[in-house]
């Protein structure tokens, strides 16, 4: 997130100088909304992949939660894109689901 803040401060000055105060602020708001939607959509994509693979293995949310030593609500939040997760934790999920990385990242859920 520090990179986004740094880039955003640069955009503020550019928008303000070139577009004027009001137009610059509007453009900046659009920029922030775009960045936030991208972050949210990435979490949703990973969450859908987790859910797809869990259902393919016929595993309930509770069973996956037990495999990962977390509560069922945590799995729900993961699958619905509400949680930022690290790559290490994603590795653990893929391992516990018994998936291959290539299986996990193929876009099955949009077919």
PDB file of N, CA and C in Angstrom:
ATOM      1  N   UNK A   1       0.792  -1.196   0.000  1.00  0.00           N
ATOM      2  CA  UNK A   1       0.000   0.000   0.000  1.00  0.00           C
ATOM      3  C   UNK A   1       0.847   1.279   0.000  1.00  0.00           C
ATOM      4  N   UNK A   2       2.069   1.278   0.547  1.00  0.00           N
ATOM      5  CA  UNK A   2       2.881   2.496   0.509  1.00  0.00           C
ATOM      6  C   UNK A   2       3.148   2.973  -0.911  1.00  0.00           C
ATOM      7  N   UNK A   3       3.285   2.017  -1.858  1.00  0.00           N
ATOM      8  CA  UNK A   3       3.520   2.414  -3.243  1.00  0.00           C
ATOM      9  C   UNK A   3       2.307   3.143  -3.807  1.00  0.00           C
ATOM     10  N   UNK A   4       1.109   2.663  -3.454  1.00  0.00           N
ATOM     11  CA  UNK A   4      -0.112   3.304  -3.925  1.00  0.00           C
ATOM     12  C   UNK A   4      -0.197   4.727  -3.390  1.00  0.00           C
ATOM     13  N   UNK A   5       0.153   4.921  -2.112  1.00  0.00           N
ATOM     14  CA  UNK A   5       0.115   6.254  -1.510  1.00  0.00           C
ATOM     15  C   UNK A   5       1.107   7.169  -2.195  1.00  0.00           C
ATOM     16  N   UNK A   6       2.313   6.670  -2.447  1.00  0.00           N
ATOM     17  CA  UNK A   6       3.344   7.453  -3.107  1.00  0.00           C
ATOM     18  C   UNK A   6       2.902   7.854  -4.509  1.00  0.00           C
ATOM     19  N   UNK A   7       2.374   6.895  -5.255  1.00  0.00           N
ATOM     20  CA  UNK A   7       1.895   7.182  -6.601  1.00  0.00           C
ATOM     21  C   UNK A   7       0.719   8.142  -6.543  1.00  0.00           C
ATOM     22  N   UNK A   8      -0.161   7.949  -5.570  1.00  0.00           N
ATOM     23  CA  UNK A   8      -1.344   8.793  -5.444  1.00  0.00           C
ATOM     24  C   UNK A   8      -0.975  10.239  -5.173  1.00  0.00           C
ATOM     25  N   UNK A   9       0.018  10.471  -4.323  1.00  0.00           N
ATOM     26  CA  UNK A   9       0.442  11.838  -4.047  1.00  0.00           C
ATOM     27  C   UNK A   9       0.982  12.497  -5.303  1.00  0.00           C
ATOM     28  N   UNK A  10       1.673  11.740  -6.115  1.00  0.00           N
ATOM     29  CA  UNK A  10       2.164  12.266  -7.376  1.00  0.00           C
ATOM     30  C   UNK A  10       0.993  12.631  -8.286  1.00  0.00           C
ATOM     31  N   UNK A  11      -0.035  11.752  -8.340  1.00  0.00           N
ATOM     32  CA  UNK A  11      -1.205  12.024  -9.163  1.00  0.00           C
ATOM     33  C   UNK A  11      -1.970  13.248  -8.675  1.00  0.00           C
ATOM     34  N   UNK A  12      -2.040  13.440  -7.363  1.00  0.00           N
ATOM     35  CA  UNK A  12      -2.737  14.607  -6.828  1.00  0.00           C
ATOM     36  C   UNK A  12      -2.123  15.877  -7.387  1.00  0.00           C
ATOM     37  N   UNK A  13      -0.817  15.984  -7.338  1.00  0.00           N
ATOM     38  CA  UNK A  13      -0.178  17.209  -7.814  1.00  0.00           C
ATOM     39  C   UNK A  13      -0.353  17.374  -9.316  1.00  0.00           C
ATOM     40  N   UNK A  14      -0.271  16.289 -10.079  1.00  0.00           N
ATOM     41  CA  UNK A  14      -0.465  16.377 -11.528  1.00  0.00           C
ATOM     42  C   UNK A  14      -1.894  16.792 -11.846  1.00  0.00           C
ATOM     43  N   UNK A  15      -2.876  16.113 -11.225  1.00  0.00           N
ATOM     44  CA  UNK A  15      -4.274  16.442 -11.484  1.00  0.00           C
ATOM     45  C   UNK A  15      -4.584  17.882 -11.090  1.00  0.00           C
ATOM     46  N   UNK A  16      -4.066  18.293  -9.964  1.00  0.00           N
ATOM     47  CA  UNK A  16      -4.348  19.640  -9.461  1.00  0.00           C
ATOM     48  C   UNK A  16      -3.773  20.695 -10.408  1.00  0.00           C
ATOM     49  N   UNK A  17      -2.516  20.521 -10.821  1.00  0.00           N
ATOM     50  CA  UNK A  17      -1.874  21.508 -11.697  1.00  0.00           C
ATOM     51  C   UNK A  17      -2.495  21.544 -13.076  1.00  0.00           C
ATOM     52  N   UNK A  18      -2.782  20.387 -13.645  1.00  0.00           N
ATOM     53  CA  UNK A  18      -3.237  20.336 -15.033  1.00  0.00           C
ATOM     54  C   UNK A  18      -4.748  20.492 -15.200  1.00  0.00           C
ATOM     55  N   UNK A  19      -5.488  20.048 -14.252  1.00  0.00           N
ATOM     56  CA  UNK A  19      -6.933  20.022 -14.430  1.00  0.00           C
ATOM     57  C   UNK A  19      -7.684  20.999 -13.535  1.00  0.00           C
ATOM     58  N   UNK A  20      -7.011  21.608 -12.618  1.00  0.00           N
ATOM     59  CA  UNK A  20      -7.694  22.480 -11.673  1.00  0.00           C
ATOM     60  C   UNK A  20      -8.151  21.674 -10.472  1.00  0.00           C
ATOM     61  N   UNK A  21      -8.519  22.373  -9.437  1.00  0.00           N
ATOM     62  CA  UNK A  21      -8.817  21.728  -8.159  1.00  0.00           C
ATOM     63  C   UNK A  21      -9.993  20.760  -8.244  1.00  0.00           C
ATOM     64  N   UNK A  22     -11.135  21.200  -8.750  1.00  0.00           N
ATOM     65  CA  UNK A  22     -12.341  20.371  -8.739  1.00  0.00           C
ATOM     66  C   UNK A  22     -12.201  19.193  -9.696  1.00  0.00           C
ATOM     67  N   UNK A  23     -11.792  19.459 -10.919  1.00  0.00           N
ATOM     68  CA  UNK A  23     -11.638  18.385 -11.900  1.00  0.00           C
ATOM     69  C   UNK A  23     -10.547  17.416 -11.463  1.00  0.00           C
ATOM     70  N   UNK A  24      -9.473  17.948 -10.894  1.00  0.00           N
ATOM     71  CA  UNK A  24      -8.395  17.102 -10.413  1.00  0.00           C
ATOM     72  C   UNK A  24      -8.850  16.163  -9.317  1.00  0.00           C
ATOM     73  N   UNK A  25      -9.664  16.683  -8.391  1.00  0.00           N
ATOM     74  CA  UNK A  25     -10.188  15.827  -7.315  1.00  0.00           C
ATOM     75  C   UNK A  25     -11.116  14.752  -7.861  1.00  0.00           C
ATOM     76  N   UNK A  26     -11.933  15.103  -8.852  1.00  0.00           N
ATOM     77  CA  UNK A  26     -12.813  14.098  -9.467  1.00  0.00           C
ATOM     78  C   UNK A  26     -12.002  12.999 -10.142  1.00  0.00           C
ATOM     79  N   UNK A  27     -10.962  13.401 -10.882  1.00  0.00           N
ATOM     80  CA  UNK A  27     -10.116  12.414 -11.548  1.00  0.00           C
ATOM     81  C   UNK A  27      -9.412  11.541 -10.522  1.00  0.00           C
ATOM     82  N   UNK A  28      -8.990  12.136  -9.427  1.00  0.00           N
ATOM     83  CA  UNK A  28      -8.314  11.381  -8.368  1.00  0.00           C
ATOM     84  C   UNK A  28      -9.272  10.374  -7.726  1.00  0.00           C
ATOM     85  N   UNK A  29     -10.502  10.775  -7.500  1.00  0.00           N
ATOM     86  CA  UNK A  29     -11.502   9.853  -6.936  1.00  0.00           C
ATOM     87  C   UNK A  29     -11.713   8.662  -7.860  1.00  0.00           C
ATOM     88  N   UNK A  30     -11.799   8.921  -9.159  1.00  0.00           N
ATOM     89  CA  UNK A  30     -11.970   7.840 -10.128  1.00  0.00           C
ATOM     90  C   UNK A  30     -10.764   6.901 -10.075  1.00  0.00           C
ATOM     91  N   UNK A  31      -9.574   7.476  -9.961  1.00  0.00           N
ATOM     92  CA  UNK A  31      -8.354   6.679  -9.861  1.00  0.00           C
ATOM     93  C   UNK A  31      -8.406   5.764  -8.637  1.00  0.00           C
ATOM     94  N   UNK A  32      -8.759   6.321  -7.471  1.00  0.00           N
ATOM     95  CA  UNK A  32      -8.819   5.520  -6.242  1.00  0.00           C
ATOM     96  C   UNK A  32      -9.873   4.423  -6.332  1.00  0.00           C
ATOM     97  N   UNK A  33     -11.021   4.736  -6.903  1.00  0.00           N
ATOM     98  CA  UNK A  33     -12.070   3.723  -7.056  1.00  0.00           C
ATOM     99  C   UNK A  33     -11.566   2.587  -7.934  1.00  0.00           C
ATOM    100  N   UNK A  34     -10.862   2.926  -9.013  1.00  0.00           N
ATOM    101  CA  UNK A  34     -10.318   1.903  -9.903  1.00  0.00           C
ATOM    102  C   UNK A  34      -9.315   1.023  -9.178  1.00  0.00           C
ATOM    103  N   UNK A  35      -8.419   1.633  -8.411  1.00  0.00           N
ATOM    104  CA  UNK A  35      -7.423   0.862  -7.658  1.00  0.00           C
ATOM    105  C   UNK A  35      -8.116  -0.054  -6.660  1.00  0.00           C
ATOM    106  N   UNK A  36      -9.084   0.467  -5.915  1.00  0.00           N
ATOM    107  CA  UNK A  36      -9.761  -0.338  -4.906  1.00  0.00           C
ATOM    108  C   UNK A  36     -10.571  -1.469  -5.541  1.00  0.00           C
ATOM    109  N   UNK A  37     -11.210  -1.203  -6.686  1.00  0.00           N
ATOM    110  CA  UNK A  37     -11.954  -2.267  -7.358  1.00  0.00           C
ATOM    111  C   UNK A  37     -11.026  -3.357  -7.862  1.00  0.00           C
ATOM    112  N   UNK A  38      -9.847  -2.991  -8.314  1.00  0.00           N
ATOM    113  CA  UNK A  38      -8.875  -3.985  -8.747  1.00  0.00           C
ATOM    114  C   UNK A  38      -8.459  -4.853  -7.574  1.00  0.00           C
ATOM    115  N   UNK A  39      -8.178  -4.239  -6.430  1.00  0.00           N
ATOM    116  CA  UNK A  39      -7.798  -5.012  -5.245  1.00  0.00           C
ATOM    117  C   UNK A  39      -8.919  -5.937  -4.824  1.00  0.00           C
ATOM    118  N   UNK A  40     -10.133  -5.413  -4.825  1.00  0.00           N
ATOM    119  CA  UNK A  40     -11.270  -6.241  -4.421  1.00  0.00           C
ATOM    120  C   UNK A  40     -11.501  -7.374  -5.406  1.00  0.00           C
ATOM    121  N   UNK A  41     -11.362  -7.099  -6.700  1.00  0.00           N
ATOM    122  CA  UNK A  41     -11.627  -8.153  -7.676  1.00  0.00           C
ATOM    123  C   UNK A  41     -10.565  -9.249  -7.589  1.00  0.00           C
ATOM    124  N   UNK A  42      -9.328  -8.897  -7.264  1.00  0.00           N
ATOM    125  CA  UNK A  42      -8.277  -9.914  -7.097  1.00  0.00           C
ATOM    126  C   UNK A  42      -8.624 -10.846  -5.950  1.00  0.00           C
ATOM    127  N   UNK A  43      -9.096 -10.279  -4.855  1.00  0.00           N
ATOM    128  CA  UNK A  43      -9.478 -11.111  -3.709  1.00  0.00           C
ATOM    129  C   UNK A  43     -10.664 -12.004  -4.067  1.00  0.00           C
ATOM    130  N   UNK A  44     -11.601 -11.459  -4.851  1.00  0.00           N
ATOM    131  CA  UNK A  44     -12.757 -12.270  -5.258  1.00  0.00           C
ATOM    132  C   UNK A  44     -12.339 -13.406  -6.182  1.00  0.00           C
ATOM    133  N   UNK A  45     -11.401 -13.130  -7.091  1.00  0.00           N
ATOM    134  CA  UNK A  45     -10.940 -14.167  -8.017  1.00  0.00           C
ATOM    135  C   UNK A  45     -10.284 -15.305  -7.251  1.00  0.00           C
ATOM    136  N   UNK A  46      -9.413 -14.975  -6.314  1.00  0.00           N
ATOM    137  CA  UNK A  46      -8.758 -16.010  -5.503  1.00  0.00           C
ATOM    138  C   UNK A  46      -9.801 -16.751  -4.672  1.00  0.00           C
ATOM    139  N   UNK A  47     -10.741 -16.021  -4.109  1.00  0.00           N
ATOM    140  CA  UNK A  47     -11.805 -16.650  -3.319  1.00  0.00           C
ATOM    141  C   UNK A  47     -12.640 -17.615  -4.137  1.00  0.00           C
ATOM    142  N   UNK A  48     -12.978 -17.219  -5.367  1.00  0.00           N
ATOM    143  CA  UNK A  48     -13.741 -18.118  -6.235  1.00  0.00           C
ATOM    144  C   UNK A  48     -12.948 -19.374  -6.567  1.00  0.00           C
ATOM    145  N   UNK A  49     -11.631 -19.202  -6.760  1.00  0.00           N
ATOM    146  CA  UNK A  49     -10.790 -20.364  -7.054  1.00  0.00           C
ATOM    147  C   UNK A  49     -10.754 -21.322  -5.867  1.00  0.00           C
ATOM    148  N   UNK A  50     -10.677 -20.759  -4.660  1.00  0.00           N
ATOM    149  CA  UNK A  50     -10.698 -21.606  -3.457  1.00  0.00           C
ATOM    150  C   UNK A  50     -12.017 -22.370  -3.382  1.00  0.00           C
ATOM    151  N   UNK A  51     -13.107 -21.646  -3.574  1.00  0.00           N
ATOM    152  CA  UNK A  51     -14.426 -22.284  -3.485  1.00  0.00           C
ATOM    153  C   UNK A  51     -14.611 -23.343  -4.572  1.00  0.00           C
ATOM    154  N   UNK A  52     -14.218 -23.010  -5.806  1.00  0.00           N
ATOM    155  CA  UNK A  52     -14.360 -23.965  -6.899  1.00  0.00           C
ATOM    156  C   UNK A  52     -13.631 -25.272  -6.592  1.00  0.00           C
ATOM    157  N   UNK A  53     -12.376 -25.140  -6.166  1.00  0.00           N
ATOM    158  CA  UNK A  53     -11.582 -26.334  -5.883  1.00  0.00           C
ATOM    159  C   UNK A  53     -12.093 -27.086  -4.666  1.00  0.00           C
ATOM    160  N   UNK A  54     -12.601 -26.365  -3.669  1.00  0.00           N
ATOM    161  CA  UNK A  54     -13.188 -27.017  -2.500  1.00  0.00           C
ATOM    162  C   UNK A  54     -14.400 -27.845  -2.908  1.00  0.00           C
ATOM    163  N   UNK A  55     -15.262 -27.267  -3.744  1.00  0.00           N
ATOM    164  CA  UNK A  55     -16.459 -27.989  -4.191  1.00  0.00           C
ATOM    165  C   UNK A  55     -16.110 -29.159  -5.106  1.00  0.00           C
ATOM    166  N   UNK A  56     -15.078 -28.993  -5.933  1.00  0.00           N
ATOM    167  CA  UNK A  56     -14.619 -30.091  -6.792  1.00  0.00           C
ATOM    168  C   UNK A  56     -14.190 -31.298  -5.969  1.00  0.00           C
ATOM    169  N   UNK A  57     -13.587 -31.036  -4.819  1.00  0.00           N
ATOM    170  CA  UNK A  57     -13.126 -32.108  -3.931  1.00  0.00           C
ATOM    171  C   UNK A  57     -14.230 -32.591  -2.996  1.00  0.00           C
ATOM    172  N   UNK A  58     -15.440 -31.972  -3.137  1.00  0.00           N
ATOM    173  CA  UNK A  58     -16.592 -32.317  -2.294  1.00  0.00           C
ATOM    174  C   UNK A  58     -16.273 -32.158  -0.812  1.00  0.00           C
ATOM    175  N   UNK A  59     -15.637 -31.020  -0.506  1.00  0.00           N
ATOM    176  CA  UNK A  59     -15.268 -30.683   0.861  1.00  0.00           C
ATOM    177  C   UNK A  59     -16.141 -29.517   1.313  1.00  0.00           C
ATOM    178  N   UNK A  60     -16.701 -29.602   2.503  1.00  0.00           N
ATOM    179  CA  UNK A  60     -17.496 -28.497   3.036  1.00  0.00           C
ATOM    180  C   UNK A  60     -16.567 -27.398   3.559  1.00  0.00           C
ATOM    181  N   UNK A  61     -17.157 -26.223   3.797  1.00  0.00           N
ATOM    182  CA  UNK A  61     -16.378 -25.141   4.401  1.00  0.00           C
ATOM    183  C   UNK A  61     -15.838 -25.572   5.757  1.00  0.00           C
ATOM    184  N   UNK A  62     -16.642 -26.284   6.514  1.00  0.00           N
ATOM    185  CA  UNK A  62     -16.209 -26.727   7.842  1.00  0.00           C
ATOM    186  C   UNK A  62     -15.047 -27.711   7.742  1.00  0.00           C
ATOM    187  N   UNK A  63     -15.108 -28.619   6.782  1.00  0.00           N
ATOM    188  CA  UNK A  63     -14.016 -29.580   6.615  1.00  0.00           C
ATOM    189  C   UNK A  63     -12.717 -28.877   6.224  1.00  0.00           C
ATOM    190  N   UNK A  64     -12.805 -27.893   5.329  1.00  0.00           N
ATOM    191  CA  UNK A  64     -11.610 -27.138   4.954  1.00  0.00           C
ATOM    192  C   UNK A  64     -11.097 -26.342   6.145  1.00  0.00           C
ATOM    193  N   UNK A  65     -12.015 -25.768   6.903  1.00  0.00           N
ATOM    194  CA  UNK A  65     -11.614 -25.023   8.104  1.00  0.00           C
ATOM    195  C   UNK A  65     -10.869 -25.929   9.077  1.00  0.00           C
ATOM    196  N   UNK A  66     -11.350 -27.150   9.244  1.00  0.00           N
ATOM    197  CA  UNK A  66     -10.672 -28.103  10.130  1.00  0.00           C
ATOM    198  C   UNK A  66      -9.276 -28.446   9.605  1.00  0.00           C
ATOM    199  N   UNK A  67      -9.137 -28.595   8.290  1.00  0.00           N
ATOM    200  CA  UNK A  67      -7.830 -28.899   7.699  1.00  0.00           C
ATOM    201  C   UNK A  67      -6.834 -27.754   7.908  1.00  0.00           C
ATOM    202  N   UNK A  68      -7.361 -26.518   7.934  1.00  0.00           N
ATOM    203  CA  UNK A  68      -6.498 -25.340   8.061  1.00  0.00           C
ATOM    204  C   UNK A  68      -6.411 -24.828   9.497  1.00  0.00           C
ATOM    205  N   UNK A  69      -7.119 -25.469  10.412  1.00  0.00           N
ATOM    206  CA  UNK A  69      -7.168 -25.038  11.821  1.00  0.00           C
ATOM    207  C   UNK A  69      -7.677 -23.599  11.969  1.00  0.00           C
ATOM    208  N   UNK A  70      -8.768 -23.298  11.269  1.00  0.00           N
ATOM    209  CA  UNK A  70      -9.439 -21.994  11.383  1.00  0.00           C
ATOM    210  C   UNK A  70     -10.927 -22.253  11.550  1.00  0.00           C
ATOM    211  N   UNK A  71     -11.709 -21.202  11.792  1.00  0.00           N
ATOM    212  CA  UNK A  71     -13.152 -21.420  11.896  1.00  0.00           C
ATOM    213  C   UNK A  71     -13.807 -21.311  10.516  1.00  0.00           C
ATOM    214  N   UNK A  72     -15.028 -21.820  10.425  1.00  0.00           N
ATOM    215  CA  UNK A  72     -15.749 -21.847   9.151  1.00  0.00           C
ATOM    216  C   UNK A  72     -15.977 -20.458   8.592  1.00  0.00           C
ATOM    217  N   UNK A  73     -16.203 -19.479   9.457  1.00  0.00           N
ATOM    218  CA  UNK A  73     -16.426 -18.108   9.000  1.00  0.00           C
ATOM    219  C   UNK A  73     -15.211 -17.553   8.256  1.00  0.00           C
ATOM    220  N   UNK A  74     -14.025 -17.960   8.670  1.00  0.00           N
ATOM    221  CA  UNK A  74     -12.805 -17.524   7.990  1.00  0.00           C
ATOM    222  C   UNK A  74     -12.794 -18.023   6.545  1.00  0.00           C
ATOM    223  N   UNK A  75     -13.225 -19.272   6.343  1.00  0.00           N
ATOM    224  CA  UNK A  75     -13.297 -19.836   4.997  1.00  0.00           C
ATOM    225  C   UNK A  75     -14.319 -19.059   4.173  1.00  0.00           C
ATOM    226  N   UNK A  76     -15.458 -18.746   4.775  1.00  0.00           N
ATOM    227  CA  UNK A  76     -16.474 -17.968   4.069  1.00  0.00           C
ATOM    228  C   UNK A  76     -15.896 -16.618   3.639  1.00  0.00           C
ATOM    229  N   UNK A  77     -15.184 -15.952   4.542  1.00  0.00           N
ATOM    230  CA  UNK A  77     -14.596 -14.645   4.218  1.00  0.00           C
ATOM    231  C   UNK A  77     -13.530 -14.774   3.128  1.00  0.00           C
ATOM    232  N   UNK A  78     -12.753 -15.843   3.152  1.00  0.00           N
ATOM    233  CA  UNK A  78     -11.780 -16.082   2.078  1.00  0.00           C
ATOM    234  C   UNK A  78     -12.480 -16.240   0.736  1.00  0.00           C
ATOM    235  N   UNK A  79     -13.483 -17.100   0.706  1.00  0.00           N
ATOM    236  CA  UNK A  79     -14.179 -17.400  -0.546  1.00  0.00           C
ATOM    237  C   UNK A  79     -14.954 -16.209  -1.095  1.00  0.00           C
ATOM    238  N   UNK A  80     -15.290 -15.280  -0.245  1.00  0.00           N
ATOM    239  CA  UNK A  80     -16.040 -14.102  -0.684  1.00  0.00           C
ATOM    240  C   UNK A  80     -15.171 -12.863  -0.842  1.00  0.00           C
ATOM    241  N   UNK A  81     -13.864 -13.042  -0.829  1.00  0.00           N
ATOM    242  CA  UNK A  81     -12.945 -11.948  -1.103  1.00  0.00           C
ATOM    243  C   UNK A  81     -12.881 -10.888  -0.031  1.00  0.00           C
ATOM    244  N   UNK A  82     -13.126 -11.265   1.197  1.00  0.00           N
ATOM    245  CA  UNK A  82     -13.130 -10.310   2.305  1.00  0.00           C
ATOM    246  C   UNK A  82     -11.794 -10.240   3.042  1.00  0.00           C
ATOM    247  N   UNK A  83     -10.867 -11.143   2.696  1.00  0.00           N
ATOM    248  CA  UNK A  83      -9.614 -11.254   3.444  1.00  0.00           C
ATOM    249  C   UNK A  83      -8.432 -11.176   2.488  1.00  0.00           C
ATOM    250  N   UNK A  84      -7.422 -10.414   2.894  1.00  0.00           N
ATOM    251  CA  UNK A  84      -6.137 -10.459   2.188  1.00  0.00           C
ATOM    252  C   UNK A  84      -5.383 -11.658   2.724  1.00  0.00           C
ATOM    253  N   UNK A  85      -4.908 -12.502   1.830  1.00  0.00           N
ATOM    254  CA  UNK A  85      -4.132 -13.622   2.319  1.00  0.00           C
ATOM    255  C   UNK A  85      -2.764 -13.612   1.661  1.00  0.00           C
ATOM    256  N   UNK A  86      -1.793 -14.155   2.373  1.00  0.00           N
ATOM    257  CA  UNK A  86      -0.430 -14.185   1.862  1.00  0.00           C
ATOM    258  C   UNK A  86      -0.276 -15.347   0.892  1.00  0.00           C
ATOM    259  N   UNK A  87       0.766 -15.278   0.106  1.00  0.00           N
ATOM    260  CA  UNK A  87       1.050 -16.378  -0.821  1.00  0.00           C
ATOM    261  C   UNK A  87       1.370 -17.654  -0.050  1.00  0.00           C
ATOM    262  N   UNK A  88       2.020 -17.516   1.100  1.00  0.00           N
ATOM    263  CA  UNK A  88       2.318 -18.692   1.922  1.00  0.00           C
ATOM    264  C   UNK A  88       1.033 -19.376   2.376  1.00  0.00           C
ATOM    265  N   UNK A  89       0.041 -18.586   2.776  1.00  0.00           N
ATOM    266  CA  UNK A  89      -1.215 -19.170   3.220  1.00  0.00           C
ATOM    267  C   UNK A  89      -1.958 -19.788   2.034  1.00  0.00           C
ATOM    268  N   UNK A  90      -1.862 -19.141   0.874  1.00  0.00           N
ATOM    269  CA  UNK A  90      -2.471 -19.710  -0.327  1.00  0.00           C
ATOM    270  C   UNK A  90      -1.814 -21.047  -0.666  1.00  0.00           C
ATOM    271  N   UNK A  91      -0.507 -21.135  -0.504  1.00  0.00           N
ATOM    272  CA  UNK A  91       0.194 -22.411  -0.699  1.00  0.00           C
ATOM    273  C   UNK A  91      -0.377 -23.484   0.233  1.00  0.00           C
ATOM    274  N   UNK A  92      -0.621 -23.109   1.482  1.00  0.00           N
ATOM    275  CA  UNK A  92      -1.163 -24.047   2.469  1.00  0.00           C
ATOM    276  C   UNK A  92      -2.560 -24.519   2.048  1.00  0.00           C
ATOM    277  N   UNK A  93      -3.381 -23.604   1.559  1.00  0.00           N
ATOM    278  CA  UNK A  93      -4.738 -23.965   1.114  1.00  0.00           C
ATOM    279  C   UNK A  93      -4.664 -24.930  -0.059  1.00  0.00           C
ATOM    280  N   UNK A  94      -3.816 -24.614  -1.039  1.00  0.00           N
ATOM    281  CA  UNK A  94      -3.676 -25.484  -2.212  1.00  0.00           C
ATOM    282  C   UNK A  94      -3.208 -26.874  -1.784  1.00  0.00           C
ATOM    283  N   UNK A  95      -2.262 -26.914  -0.863  1.00  0.00           N
ATOM    284  CA  UNK A  95      -1.763 -28.192  -0.358  1.00  0.00           C
ATOM    285  C   UNK A  95      -2.855 -28.981   0.350  1.00  0.00           C
ATOM    286  N   UNK A  96      -3.607 -28.334   1.245  1.00  0.00           N
ATOM    287  CA  UNK A  96      -4.641 -29.028   2.018  1.00  0.00           C
ATOM    288  C   UNK A  96      -5.795 -29.485   1.137  1.00  0.00           C
ATOM    289  N   UNK A  97      -6.055 -28.755   0.046  1.00  0.00           N
ATOM    290  CA  UNK A  97      -7.104 -29.183  -0.880  1.00  0.00           C
ATOM    291  C   UNK A  97      -6.623 -30.311  -1.793  1.00  0.00           C
ATOM    292  N   UNK A  98      -5.308 -30.550  -1.790  1.00  0.00           N
ATOM    293  CA  UNK A  98      -4.756 -31.591  -2.657  1.00  0.00           C
ATOM    294  C   UNK A  98      -4.770 -31.190  -4.119  1.00  0.00           C
ATOM    295  N   UNK A  99      -4.637 -29.911  -4.383  1.00  0.00           N
ATOM    296  CA  UNK A  99      -4.650 -29.396  -5.752  1.00  0.00           C
ATOM    297  C   UNK A  99      -3.239 -29.216  -6.279  1.00  0.00           C
ATOM    298  N   UNK A 100      -3.129 -29.167  -7.579  1.00  0.00           N
ATOM    299  CA  UNK A 100      -1.901 -28.744  -8.242  1.00  0.00           C
ATOM    300  C   UNK A 100      -2.041 -27.242  -8.492  1.00  0.00           C
ATOM    301  N   UNK A 101      -0.939 -26.543  -8.551  1.00  0.00           N
ATOM    302  CA  UNK A 101      -1.001 -25.108  -8.797  1.00  0.00           C
ATOM    303  C   UNK A 101      -1.666 -24.805 -10.132  1.00  0.00           C
ATOM    304  N   UNK A 102      -1.367 -25.606 -11.139  1.00  0.00           N
ATOM    305  CA  UNK A 102      -1.970 -25.363 -12.452  1.00  0.00           C
ATOM    306  C   UNK A 102      -3.479 -25.576 -12.411  1.00  0.00           C
ATOM    307  N   UNK A 103      -3.932 -26.555 -11.640  1.00  0.00           N
ATOM    308  CA  UNK A 103      -5.380 -26.768 -11.501  1.00  0.00           C
ATOM    309  C   UNK A 103      -6.031 -25.600 -10.786  1.00  0.00           C
ATOM    310  N   UNK A 104      -5.342 -25.073  -9.807  1.00  0.00           N
ATOM    311  CA  UNK A 104      -5.912 -24.027  -8.980  1.00  0.00           C
ATOM    312  C   UNK A 104      -6.099 -22.715  -9.746  1.00  0.00           C
ATOM    313  N   UNK A 105      -5.148 -22.386 -10.613  1.00  0.00           N
ATOM    314  CA  UNK A 105      -5.194 -21.088 -11.277  1.00  0.00           C
ATOM    315  C   UNK A 105      -5.829 -21.102 -12.656  1.00  0.00           C
ATOM    316  N   UNK A 106      -6.310 -22.249 -13.112  1.00  0.00           N
ATOM    317  CA  UNK A 106      -7.063 -22.286 -14.351  1.00  0.00           C
ATOM    318  C   UNK A 106      -8.448 -21.734 -14.084  1.00  0.00           C
ATOM    319  N   UNK A 107      -8.950 -20.967 -15.002  1.00  0.00           N
ATOM    320  CA  UNK A 107     -10.211 -20.251 -14.810  1.00  0.00           C
ATOM    321  C   UNK A 107     -11.413 -21.158 -15.055  1.00  0.00           C
ATOM    322  N   UNK A 108     -11.627 -22.151 -14.180  1.00  0.00           N
ATOM    323  CA  UNK A 108     -12.758 -23.071 -14.332  1.00  0.00           C
ATOM    324  C   UNK A 108     -14.078 -22.417 -14.013  1.00  0.00           C
ATOM    325  N   UNK A 109     -14.085 -21.487 -13.065  1.00  0.00           N
ATOM    326  CA  UNK A 109     -15.354 -21.003 -12.537  1.00  0.00           C
ATOM    327  C   UNK A 109     -16.043 -19.982 -13.415  1.00  0.00           C
ATOM    328  N   UNK A 110     -15.460 -19.565 -14.544  1.00  0.00           N
ATOM    329  CA  UNK A 110     -16.129 -18.645 -15.467  1.00  0.00           C
ATOM    330  C   UNK A 110     -16.592 -19.352 -16.729  1.00  0.00           C
ATOM    331  N   UNK A 111     -16.460 -20.671 -16.786  1.00  0.00           N
ATOM    332  CA  UNK A 111     -16.863 -21.402 -17.997  1.00  0.00           C
ATOM    333  C   UNK A 111     -18.333 -21.684 -17.973  1.00  0.00           C
TER     334      UNK A 111
END
